[in-house]
Amino acid sequence: MTSLEEAKKIAEVLDSKKAQEVKVLKVADLTFVAEYFVLATGTSSTQVKSLAEEVEFQMKEAGSKARPPTGTSSTSAASSLTSLSRTPAATTTSSASGQTLKR
């Protein structure tokens, strides 16, 4: 599975679990850290955690070699950021104002 296919799969999983504002961004020309960022917003820290867990499960089932999200943290909103790294890895963070976090 290519990194684009993985990013699209993650976006599909997030959409099926009612994530909001799901976006796939190509960042390969901007950073060496990742080829794509998959961004999504959740309505609560509970939903964000559930989204991260479902992405991890579905990607493992699909045979992805991407490492699971490094975890979720709850600050003041519920957003989730998952990145497909060039050295397969994913990151998930959360906040509670409905804003998308940038790292």
PDB file of N, CA and C in Angstrom:
ATOM      1  N   MET A   1       0.851  -1.170   0.000  1.00  0.00           N
ATOM      2  CA  MET A   1       0.000   0.000   0.000  1.00  0.00           C
ATOM      3  C   MET A   1       0.903   1.241   0.000  1.00  0.00           C
ATOM      4  N   THR A   2       0.660   2.143  -0.934  1.00  0.00           N
ATOM      5  CA  THR A   2       1.459   3.368  -0.990  1.00  0.00           C
ATOM      6  C   THR A   2       1.024   4.319   0.131  1.00  0.00           C
ATOM      7  N   SER A   3       1.840   5.326   0.379  1.00  0.00           N
ATOM      8  CA  SER A   3       1.476   6.275   1.429  1.00  0.00           C
ATOM      9  C   SER A   3       0.206   7.043   1.068  1.00  0.00           C
ATOM     10  N   LEU A   4      -0.030   7.318  -0.219  1.00  0.00           N
ATOM     11  CA  LEU A   4      -1.271   7.971  -0.623  1.00  0.00           C
ATOM     12  C   LEU A   4      -2.470   7.063  -0.352  1.00  0.00           C
ATOM     13  N   GLU A   5      -2.331   5.786  -0.681  1.00  0.00           N
ATOM     14  CA  GLU A   5      -3.411   4.829  -0.405  1.00  0.00           C
ATOM     15  C   GLU A   5      -3.676   4.740   1.098  1.00  0.00           C
ATOM     16  N   GLU A   6      -2.611   4.748   1.902  1.00  0.00           N
ATOM     17  CA  GLU A   6      -2.776   4.717   3.357  1.00  0.00           C
ATOM     18  C   GLU A   6      -3.485   5.972   3.846  1.00  0.00           C
ATOM     19  N   ALA A   7      -3.110   7.124   3.321  1.00  0.00           N
ATOM     20  CA  ALA A   7      -3.747   8.373   3.724  1.00  0.00           C
ATOM     21  C   ALA A   7      -5.228   8.365   3.372  1.00  0.00           C
ATOM     22  N   LYS A   8      -5.560   7.882   2.176  1.00  0.00           N
ATOM     23  CA  LYS A   8      -6.963   7.801   1.761  1.00  0.00           C
ATOM     24  C   LYS A   8      -7.740   6.822   2.637  1.00  0.00           C
ATOM     25  N   LYS A   9      -7.118   5.699   2.975  1.00  0.00           N
ATOM     26  CA  LYS A   9      -7.766   4.710   3.850  1.00  0.00           C
ATOM     27  C   LYS A   9      -8.042   5.323   5.225  1.00  0.00           C
ATOM     28  N   ILE A  10      -7.076   6.033   5.775  1.00  0.00           N
ATOM     29  CA  ILE A  10      -7.258   6.681   7.072  1.00  0.00           C
ATOM     30  C   ILE A  10      -8.415   7.680   6.991  1.00  0.00           C
ATOM     31  N   ALA A  11      -8.469   8.465   5.926  1.00  0.00           N
ATOM     32  CA  ALA A  11      -9.548   9.441   5.755  1.00  0.00           C
ATOM     33  C   ALA A  11     -10.906   8.745   5.681  1.00  0.00           C
ATOM     34  N   GLU A  12     -10.969   7.617   4.988  1.00  0.00           N
ATOM     35  CA  GLU A  12     -12.222   6.849   4.896  1.00  0.00           C
ATOM     36  C   GLU A  12     -12.655   6.337   6.266  1.00  0.00           C
ATOM     37  N   VAL A  13     -11.702   5.819   7.036  1.00  0.00           N
ATOM     38  CA  VAL A  13     -12.011   5.315   8.386  1.00  0.00           C
ATOM     39  C   VAL A  13     -12.532   6.457   9.248  1.00  0.00           C
ATOM     40  N   LEU A  14     -11.851   7.597   9.225  1.00  0.00           N
ATOM     41  CA  LEU A  14     -12.273   8.749  10.020  1.00  0.00           C
ATOM     42  C   LEU A  14     -13.668   9.210   9.616  1.00  0.00           C
ATOM     43  N   ASP A  15     -13.926   9.272   8.320  1.00  0.00           N
ATOM     44  CA  ASP A  15     -15.233   9.692   7.829  1.00  0.00           C
ATOM     45  C   ASP A  15     -16.323   8.715   8.267  1.00  0.00           C
ATOM     46  N   SER A  16     -16.034   7.427   8.211  1.00  0.00           N
ATOM     47  CA  SER A  16     -17.031   6.421   8.603  1.00  0.00           C
ATOM     48  C   SER A  16     -17.358   6.483  10.089  1.00  0.00           C
ATOM     49  N   LYS A  17     -16.451   7.046  10.877  1.00  0.00           N
ATOM     50  CA  LYS A  17     -16.661   7.176  12.326  1.00  0.00           C
ATOM     51  C   LYS A  17     -17.128   8.582  12.702  1.00  0.00           C
ATOM     52  N   LYS A  18     -17.622   9.322  11.721  1.00  0.00           N
ATOM     53  CA  LYS A  18     -18.217  10.641  11.947  1.00  0.00           C
ATOM     54  C   LYS A  18     -17.237  11.730  12.362  1.00  0.00           C
ATOM     55  N   ALA A  19     -15.980  11.590  11.977  1.00  0.00           N
ATOM     56  CA  ALA A  19     -15.027  12.690  12.199  1.00  0.00           C
ATOM     57  C   ALA A  19     -15.461  13.865  11.333  1.00  0.00           C
ATOM     58  N   GLN A  20     -15.121  15.053  11.767  1.00  0.00           N
ATOM     59  CA  GLN A  20     -15.484  16.248  11.018  1.00  0.00           C
ATOM     60  C   GLN A  20     -14.244  16.831  10.358  1.00  0.00           C
ATOM     61  N   GLU A  21     -14.456  17.576   9.281  1.00  0.00           N
ATOM     62  CA  GLU A  21     -13.379  18.285   8.590  1.00  0.00           C
ATOM     63  C   GLU A  21     -12.195  17.376   8.237  1.00  0.00           C
ATOM     64  N   VAL A  22     -12.468  16.210   7.676  1.00  0.00           N
ATOM     65  CA  VAL A  22     -11.408  15.273   7.301  1.00  0.00           C
ATOM     66  C   VAL A  22     -10.719  15.794   6.044  1.00  0.00           C
ATOM     67  N   LYS A  23      -9.397  15.912   6.132  1.00  0.00           N
ATOM     68  CA  LYS A  23      -8.610  16.414   5.008  1.00  0.00           C
ATOM     69  C   LYS A  23      -7.318  15.613   4.881  1.00  0.00           C
ATOM     70  N   VAL A  24      -6.904  15.376   3.645  1.00  0.00           N
ATOM     71  CA  VAL A  24      -5.607  14.755   3.359  1.00  0.00           C
ATOM     72  C   VAL A  24      -4.755  15.833   2.698  1.00  0.00           C
ATOM     73  N   LEU A  25      -3.633  16.143   3.309  1.00  0.00           N
ATOM     74  CA  LEU A  25      -2.739  17.175   2.785  1.00  0.00           C
ATOM     75  C   LEU A  25      -1.422  16.550   2.348  1.00  0.00           C
ATOM     76  N   LYS A  26      -1.000  16.856   1.135  1.00  0.00           N
ATOM     77  CA  LYS A  26       0.316  16.411   0.664  1.00  0.00           C
ATOM     78  C   LYS A  26       1.353  17.391   1.175  1.00  0.00           C
ATOM     79  N   VAL A  27       2.289  16.903   1.973  1.00  0.00           N
ATOM     80  CA  VAL A  27       3.313  17.771   2.566  1.00  0.00           C
ATOM     81  C   VAL A  27       4.721  17.326   2.206  1.00  0.00           C
ATOM     82  N   ALA A  28       4.841  16.382   1.300  1.00  0.00           N
ATOM     83  CA  ALA A  28       6.141  15.820   0.944  1.00  0.00           C
ATOM     84  C   ALA A  28       7.134  16.887   0.483  1.00  0.00           C
ATOM     85  N   ASP A  29       6.649  17.913  -0.201  1.00  0.00           N
ATOM     86  CA  ASP A  29       7.537  18.969  -0.686  1.00  0.00           C
ATOM     87  C   ASP A  29       7.854  20.012   0.377  1.00  0.00           C
ATOM     88  N   LEU A  30       7.172  19.916   1.517  1.00  0.00           N
ATOM     89  CA  LEU A  30       7.332  20.912   2.575  1.00  0.00           C
ATOM     90  C   LEU A  30       8.152  20.424   3.760  1.00  0.00           C
ATOM     91  N   THR A  31       8.213  19.125   3.941  1.00  0.00           N
ATOM     92  CA  THR A  31       8.907  18.560   5.101  1.00  0.00           C
ATOM     93  C   THR A  31       9.426  17.168   4.784  1.00  0.00           C
ATOM     94  N   PHE A  32      10.439  16.759   5.488  1.00  0.00           N
ATOM     95  CA  PHE A  32      10.961  15.403   5.328  1.00  0.00           C
ATOM     96  C   PHE A  32      10.287  14.439   6.301  1.00  0.00           C
ATOM     97  N   VAL A  33       9.481  14.951   7.200  1.00  0.00           N
ATOM     98  CA  VAL A  33       8.860  14.150   8.255  1.00  0.00           C
ATOM     99  C   VAL A  33       7.760  13.245   7.720  1.00  0.00           C
ATOM    100  N   ALA A  34       6.969  13.722   6.755  1.00  0.00           N
ATOM    101  CA  ALA A  34       5.824  12.963   6.270  1.00  0.00           C
ATOM    102  C   ALA A  34       5.541  13.297   4.818  1.00  0.00           C
ATOM    103  N   GLU A  35       4.872  12.385   4.141  1.00  0.00           N
ATOM    104  CA  GLU A  35       4.419  12.641   2.782  1.00  0.00           C
ATOM    105  C   GLU A  35       3.012  13.231   2.787  1.00  0.00           C
ATOM    106  N   TYR A  36       2.181  12.759   3.723  1.00  0.00           N
ATOM    107  CA  TYR A  36       0.799  13.219   3.840  1.00  0.00           C
ATOM    108  C   TYR A  36       0.438  13.421   5.300  1.00  0.00           C
ATOM    109  N   PHE A  37      -0.384  14.424   5.552  1.00  0.00           N
ATOM    110  CA  PHE A  37      -1.029  14.591   6.850  1.00  0.00           C
ATOM    111  C   PHE A  37      -2.503  14.321   6.633  1.00  0.00           C
ATOM    112  N   VAL A  38      -3.082  13.582   7.549  1.00  0.00           N
ATOM    113  CA  VAL A  38      -4.525  13.373   7.549  1.00  0.00           C
ATOM    114  C   VAL A  38      -5.047  14.104   8.773  1.00  0.00           C
ATOM    115  N   LEU A  39      -5.896  15.098   8.534  1.00  0.00           N
ATOM    116  CA  LEU A  39      -6.420  15.926   9.617  1.00  0.00           C
ATOM    117  C   LEU A  39      -7.909  15.660   9.784  1.00  0.00           C
ATOM    118  N   ALA A  40      -8.348  15.630  11.029  1.00  0.00           N
ATOM    119  CA  ALA A  40      -9.769  15.458  11.310  1.00  0.00           C
ATOM    120  C   ALA A  40     -10.084  16.084  12.650  1.00  0.00           C
ATOM    121  N   THR A  41     -11.312  16.530  12.800  1.00  0.00           N
ATOM    122  CA  THR A  41     -11.751  17.119  14.056  1.00  0.00           C
ATOM    123  C   THR A  41     -12.828  16.243  14.664  1.00  0.00           C
ATOM    124  N   GLY A  42     -12.742  16.071  15.980  1.00  0.00           N
ATOM    125  CA  GLY A  42     -13.766  15.339  16.717  1.00  0.00           C
ATOM    126  C   GLY A  42     -14.530  16.287  17.605  1.00  0.00           C
ATOM    127  N   THR A  43     -15.648  15.828  18.140  1.00  0.00           N
ATOM    128  CA  THR A  43     -16.503  16.689  18.960  1.00  0.00           C
ATOM    129  C   THR A  43     -16.184  16.606  20.444  1.00  0.00           C
ATOM    130  N   SER A  44     -15.375  15.632  20.827  1.00  0.00           N
ATOM    131  CA  SER A  44     -14.995  15.489  22.242  1.00  0.00           C
ATOM    132  C   SER A  44     -13.700  14.707  22.327  1.00  0.00           C
ATOM    133  N   SER A  45     -13.057  14.756  23.478  1.00  0.00           N
ATOM    134  CA  SER A  45     -11.824  13.989  23.652  1.00  0.00           C
ATOM    135  C   SER A  45     -12.111  12.494  23.571  1.00  0.00           C
ATOM    136  N   THR A  46     -13.303  12.078  23.976  1.00  0.00           N
ATOM    137  CA  THR A  46     -13.688  10.662  23.874  1.00  0.00           C
ATOM    138  C   THR A  46     -13.774  10.243  22.416  1.00  0.00           C
ATOM    139  N   GLN A  47     -14.388  11.082  21.577  1.00  0.00           N
ATOM    140  CA  GLN A  47     -14.485  10.751  20.159  1.00  0.00           C
ATOM    141  C   GLN A  47     -13.107  10.726  19.513  1.00  0.00           C
ATOM    142  N   VAL A  48     -12.247  11.678  19.862  1.00  0.00           N
ATOM    143  CA  VAL A  48     -10.900  11.713  19.291  1.00  0.00           C
ATOM    144  C   VAL A  48     -10.148  10.432  19.623  1.00  0.00           C
ATOM    145  N   LYS A  49     -10.249   9.989  20.865  1.00  0.00           N
ATOM    146  CA  LYS A  49      -9.593   8.744  21.264  1.00  0.00           C
ATOM    147  C   LYS A  49     -10.150   7.570  20.468  1.00  0.00           C
ATOM    148  N   SER A  50     -11.462   7.532  20.313  1.00  0.00           N
ATOM    149  CA  SER A  50     -12.106   6.466  19.544  1.00  0.00           C
ATOM    150  C   SER A  50     -11.662   6.497  18.082  1.00  0.00           C
ATOM    151  N   LEU A  51     -11.550   7.685  17.509  1.00  0.00           N
ATOM    152  CA  LEU A  51     -11.083   7.821  16.126  1.00  0.00           C
ATOM    153  C   LEU A  51      -9.669   7.272  15.976  1.00  0.00           C
ATOM    154  N   ALA A  52      -8.789   7.649  16.900  1.00  0.00           N
ATOM    155  CA  ALA A  52      -7.393   7.191  16.847  1.00  0.00           C
ATOM    156  C   ALA A  52      -7.314   5.673  16.963  1.00  0.00           C
ATOM    157  N   GLU A  53      -8.089   5.107  17.878  1.00  0.00           N
ATOM    158  CA  GLU A  53      -8.079   3.658  18.072  1.00  0.00           C
ATOM    159  C   GLU A  53      -8.598   2.936  16.833  1.00  0.00           C
ATOM    160  N   GLU A  54      -9.647   3.469  16.210  1.00  0.00           N
ATOM    161  CA  GLU A  54     -10.207   2.835  15.012  1.00  0.00           C
ATOM    162  C   GLU A  54      -9.239   2.907  13.836  1.00  0.00           C
ATOM    163  N   VAL A  55      -8.567   4.059  13.677  1.00  0.00           N
ATOM    164  CA  VAL A  55      -7.569   4.177  12.610  1.00  0.00           C
ATOM    165  C   VAL A  55      -6.460   3.155  12.828  1.00  0.00           C
ATOM    166  N   GLU A  56      -5.974   3.063  14.053  1.00  0.00           N
ATOM    167  CA  GLU A  56      -4.915   2.100  14.366  1.00  0.00           C
ATOM    168  C   GLU A  56      -5.360   0.676  14.039  1.00  0.00           C
ATOM    169  N   PHE A  57      -6.572   0.309  14.468  1.00  0.00           N
ATOM    170  CA  PHE A  57      -7.092  -1.044  14.232  1.00  0.00           C
ATOM    171  C   PHE A  57      -7.248  -1.324  12.737  1.00  0.00           C
ATOM    172  N   GLN A  58      -7.897  -0.408  12.020  1.00  0.00           N
ATOM    173  CA  GLN A  58      -8.155  -0.621  10.591  1.00  0.00           C
ATOM    174  C   GLN A  58      -6.872  -0.669   9.775  1.00  0.00           C
ATOM    175  N   MET A  59      -5.899   0.150  10.119  1.00  0.00           N
ATOM    176  CA  MET A  59      -4.644   0.143   9.373  1.00  0.00           C
ATOM    177  C   MET A  59      -3.854  -1.130   9.647  1.00  0.00           C
ATOM    178  N   LYS A  60      -3.925  -1.623  10.876  1.00  0.00           N
ATOM    179  CA  LYS A  60      -3.269  -2.889  11.201  1.00  0.00           C
ATOM    180  C   LYS A  60      -3.933  -4.027  10.426  1.00  0.00           C
ATOM    181  N   GLU A  61      -5.276  -4.004  10.360  1.00  0.00           N
ATOM    182  CA  GLU A  61      -6.018  -5.020   9.607  1.00  0.00           C
ATOM    183  C   GLU A  61      -5.673  -4.969   8.115  1.00  0.00           C
ATOM    184  N   ALA A  62      -5.405  -3.778   7.612  1.00  0.00           N
ATOM    185  CA  ALA A  62      -5.083  -3.603   6.194  1.00  0.00           C
ATOM    186  C   ALA A  62      -3.629  -3.943   5.887  1.00  0.00           C
ATOM    187  N   GLY A  63      -2.862  -4.273   6.935  1.00  0.00           N
ATOM    188  CA  GLY A  63      -1.473  -4.649   6.730  1.00  0.00           C
ATOM    189  C   GLY A  63      -0.520  -3.476   6.645  1.00  0.00           C
ATOM    190  N   SER A  64      -0.927  -2.321   7.107  1.00  0.00           N
ATOM    191  CA  SER A  64      -0.068  -1.143   7.073  1.00  0.00           C
ATOM    192  C   SER A  64       1.129  -1.328   7.988  1.00  0.00           C
ATOM    193  N   LYS A  65       2.268  -0.823   7.546  1.00  0.00           N
ATOM    194  CA  LYS A  65       3.476  -0.881   8.361  1.00  0.00           C
ATOM    195  C   LYS A  65       3.660   0.403   9.155  1.00  0.00           C
ATOM    196  N   ALA A  66       2.716   1.327   9.005  1.00  0.00           N
ATOM    197  CA  ALA A  66       2.787   2.573   9.768  1.00  0.00           C
ATOM    198  C   ALA A  66       2.680   2.259  11.252  1.00  0.00           C
ATOM    199  N   ARG A  67       3.514   2.933  12.028  1.00  0.00           N
ATOM    200  CA  ARG A  67       3.423   2.761  13.476  1.00  0.00           C
ATOM    201  C   ARG A  67       2.143   3.405  13.969  1.00  0.00           C
ATOM    202  N   PRO A  68       1.591   2.908  15.067  1.00  0.00           N
ATOM    203  CA  PRO A  68       0.338   3.469  15.573  1.00  0.00           C
ATOM    204  C   PRO A  68       0.531   4.893  16.069  1.00  0.00           C
ATOM    205  N   PRO A  69      -0.573   5.623  16.248  1.00  0.00           N
ATOM    206  CA  PRO A  69      -0.464   6.975  16.799  1.00  0.00           C
ATOM    207  C   PRO A  69       0.307   6.952  18.109  1.00  0.00           C
ATOM    208  N   THR A  70       1.038   8.027  18.370  1.00  0.00           N
ATOM    209  CA  THR A  70       1.835   8.072  19.595  1.00  0.00           C
ATOM    210  C   THR A  70       0.989   8.339  20.814  1.00  0.00           C
ATOM    211  N   GLY A  71      -0.283   8.641  20.635  1.00  0.00           N
ATOM    212  CA  GLY A  71      -1.179   8.845  21.758  1.00  0.00           C
ATOM    213  C   GLY A  71      -2.069  10.038  21.545  1.00  0.00           C
ATOM    214  N   THR A  72      -2.980  10.219  22.465  1.00  0.00           N
ATOM    215  CA  THR A  72      -3.849  11.385  22.415  1.00  0.00           C
ATOM    216  C   THR A  72      -3.635  12.170  23.689  1.00  0.00           C
ATOM    217  N   SER A  73      -3.772  13.451  23.575  1.00  0.00           N
ATOM    218  CA  SER A  73      -3.699  14.290  24.762  1.00  0.00           C
ATOM    219  C   SER A  73      -4.894  15.218  24.734  1.00  0.00           C
ATOM    220  N   SER A  74      -5.401  15.543  25.861  1.00  0.00           N
ATOM    221  CA  SER A  74      -6.567  16.397  25.934  1.00  0.00           C
ATOM    222  C   SER A  74      -6.157  17.721  26.545  1.00  0.00           C
ATOM    223  N   THR A  75      -6.365  18.804  25.804  1.00  0.00           N
ATOM    224  CA  THR A  75      -6.077  20.117  26.362  1.00  0.00           C
ATOM    225  C   THR A  75      -7.385  20.891  26.397  1.00  0.00           C
ATOM    226  N   SER A  76      -7.630  21.754  25.442  1.00  0.00           N
ATOM    227  CA  SER A  76      -8.838  22.568  25.499  1.00  0.00           C
ATOM    228  C   SER A  76      -9.823  22.313  24.364  1.00  0.00           C
ATOM    229  N   ALA A  77      -9.604  21.324  23.488  1.00  0.00           N
ATOM    230  CA  ALA A  77     -10.552  21.025  22.404  1.00  0.00           C
ATOM    231  C   ALA A  77     -10.453  19.577  21.988  1.00  0.00           C
ATOM    232  N   ALA A  78     -11.192  19.191  20.965  1.00  0.00           N
ATOM    233  CA  ALA A  78     -11.148  17.816  20.500  1.00  0.00           C
ATOM    234  C   ALA A  78     -10.850  17.788  19.016  1.00  0.00           C
ATOM    235  N   SER A  79      -9.595  17.768  18.657  1.00  0.00           N
ATOM    236  CA  SER A  79      -9.149  17.641  17.274  1.00  0.00           C
ATOM    237  C   SER A  79      -8.154  16.507  17.221  1.00  0.00           C
ATOM    238  N   SER A  80      -7.979  15.995  16.040  1.00  0.00           N
ATOM    239  CA  SER A  80      -7.041  14.900  15.889  1.00  0.00           C
ATOM    240  C   SER A  80      -6.156  15.164  14.692  1.00  0.00           C
ATOM    241  N   LEU A  81      -4.884  14.889  14.839  1.00  0.00           N
ATOM    242  CA  LEU A  81      -3.940  15.022  13.744  1.00  0.00           C
ATOM    243  C   LEU A  81      -3.213  13.703  13.609  1.00  0.00           C
ATOM    244  N   THR A  82      -3.312  13.108  12.451  1.00  0.00           N
ATOM    245  CA  THR A  82      -2.604  11.866  12.199  1.00  0.00           C
ATOM    246  C   THR A  82      -1.723  12.080  10.985  1.00  0.00           C
ATOM    247  N   SER A  83      -0.452  11.774  11.093  1.00  0.00           N
ATOM    248  CA  SER A  83       0.441  11.968   9.955  1.00  0.00           C
ATOM    249  C   SER A  83       1.007  10.643   9.497  1.00  0.00           C
ATOM    250  N   LEU A  84       1.113  10.505   8.186  1.00  0.00           N
ATOM    251  CA  LEU A  84       1.786   9.354   7.609  1.00  0.00           C
ATOM    252  C   LEU A  84       3.220   9.769   7.367  1.00  0.00           C
ATOM    253  N   SER A  85       4.110   9.187   8.106  1.00  0.00           N
ATOM    254  CA  SER A  85       5.504   9.574   8.055  1.00  0.00           C
ATOM    255  C   SER A  85       6.231   8.851   6.932  1.00  0.00           C
ATOM    256  N   ARG A  86       7.307   9.445   6.469  1.00  0.00           N
ATOM    257  CA  ARG A  86       8.135   8.774   5.466  1.00  0.00           C
ATOM    258  C   ARG A  86       8.782   7.541   6.071  1.00  0.00           C
ATOM    259  N   THR A  87       9.089   7.590   7.357  1.00  0.00           N
ATOM    260  CA  THR A  87       9.482   6.395   8.081  1.00  0.00           C
ATOM    261  C   THR A  87       8.208   6.023   8.802  1.00  0.00           C
ATOM    262  N   PRO A  88       7.414   5.095   8.277  1.00  0.00           N
ATOM    263  CA  PRO A  88       6.028   4.936   8.684  1.00  0.00           C
ATOM    264  C   PRO A  88       5.765   5.149  10.171  1.00  0.00           C
ATOM    265  N   ALA A  89       5.000   6.171  10.446  1.00  0.00           N
ATOM    266  CA  ALA A  89       4.591   6.501  11.812  1.00  0.00           C
ATOM    267  C   ALA A  89       3.344   7.353  11.727  1.00  0.00           C
ATOM    268  N   ALA A  90       2.588   7.375  12.782  1.00  0.00           N
ATOM    269  CA  ALA A  90       1.405   8.225  12.836  1.00  0.00           C
ATOM    270  C   ALA A  90       1.393   8.932  14.178  1.00  0.00           C
ATOM    271  N   THR A  91       0.859  10.138  14.187  1.00  0.00           N
ATOM    272  CA  THR A  91       0.786  10.921  15.415  1.00  0.00           C
ATOM    273  C   THR A  91      -0.647  11.379  15.605  1.00  0.00           C
ATOM    274  N   THR A  92      -1.141  11.309  16.801  1.00  0.00           N
ATOM    275  CA  THR A  92      -2.477  11.804  17.092  1.00  0.00           C
ATOM    276  C   THR A  92      -2.409  12.720  18.292  1.00  0.00           C
ATOM    277  N   THR A  93      -3.001  13.877  18.167  1.00  0.00           N
ATOM    278  CA  THR A  93      -3.094  14.805  19.287  1.00  0.00           C
ATOM    279  C   THR A  93      -4.521  15.309  19.357  1.00  0.00           C
ATOM    280  N   SER A  94      -4.907  15.852  20.479  1.00  0.00           N
ATOM    281  CA  SER A  94      -6.258  16.386  20.580  1.00  0.00           C
ATOM    282  C   SER A  94      -6.278  17.670  21.370  1.00  0.00           C
ATOM    283  N   SER A  95      -7.327  18.466  21.119  1.00  0.00           N
ATOM    284  CA  SER A  95      -7.581  19.680  21.874  1.00  0.00           C
ATOM    285  C   SER A  95      -9.099  19.874  21.939  1.00  0.00           C
ATOM    286  N   ALA A  96      -9.661  20.892  22.622  1.00  0.00           N
ATOM    287  CA  ALA A  96     -11.123  20.954  22.818  1.00  0.00           C
ATOM    288  C   ALA A  96     -11.879  22.125  22.222  1.00  0.00           C
ATOM    289  N   SER A  97     -11.290  23.006  21.504  1.00  0.00           N
ATOM    290  CA  SER A  97     -12.005  24.148  20.949  1.00  0.00           C
ATOM    291  C   SER A  97     -12.514  23.887  19.543  1.00  0.00           C
ATOM    292  N   GLY A  98     -12.270  22.694  19.006  1.00  0.00           N
ATOM    293  CA  GLY A  98     -12.675  22.382  17.649  1.00  0.00           C
ATOM    294  C   GLY A  98     -11.668  22.836  16.614  1.00  0.00           C
ATOM    295  N   GLN A  99     -10.527  23.366  17.030  1.00  0.00           N
ATOM    296  CA  GLN A  99      -9.495  23.819  16.104  1.00  0.00           C
ATOM    297  C   GLN A  99      -8.593  22.651  15.751  1.00  0.00           C
ATOM    298  N   THR A 100      -8.055  22.666  14.524  1.00  0.00           N
ATOM    299  CA  THR A 100      -7.101  21.659  14.122  1.00  0.00           C
ATOM    300  C   THR A 100      -5.723  22.056  14.646  1.00  0.00           C
ATOM    301  N   LEU A 101      -5.057  21.141  15.288  1.00  0.00           N
ATOM    302  CA  LEU A 101      -3.741  21.430  15.845  1.00  0.00           C
ATOM    303  C   LEU A 101      -2.667  21.249  14.791  1.00  0.00           C
ATOM    304  N   LYS A 102      -1.679  22.094  14.815  1.00  0.00           N
ATOM    305  CA  LYS A 102      -0.529  21.954  13.921  1.00  0.00           C
ATOM    306  C   LYS A 102       0.681  21.714  14.781  1.00  0.00           C
ATOM    307  N   ARG A 103       1.510  20.752  14.387  1.00  0.00           N
ATOM    308  CA  ARG A 103       2.728  20.449  15.138  1.00  0.00           C
ATOM    309  C   ARG A 103       3.910  20.634  14.260  1.00  0.00           C
TER     310      ARG A 103
END
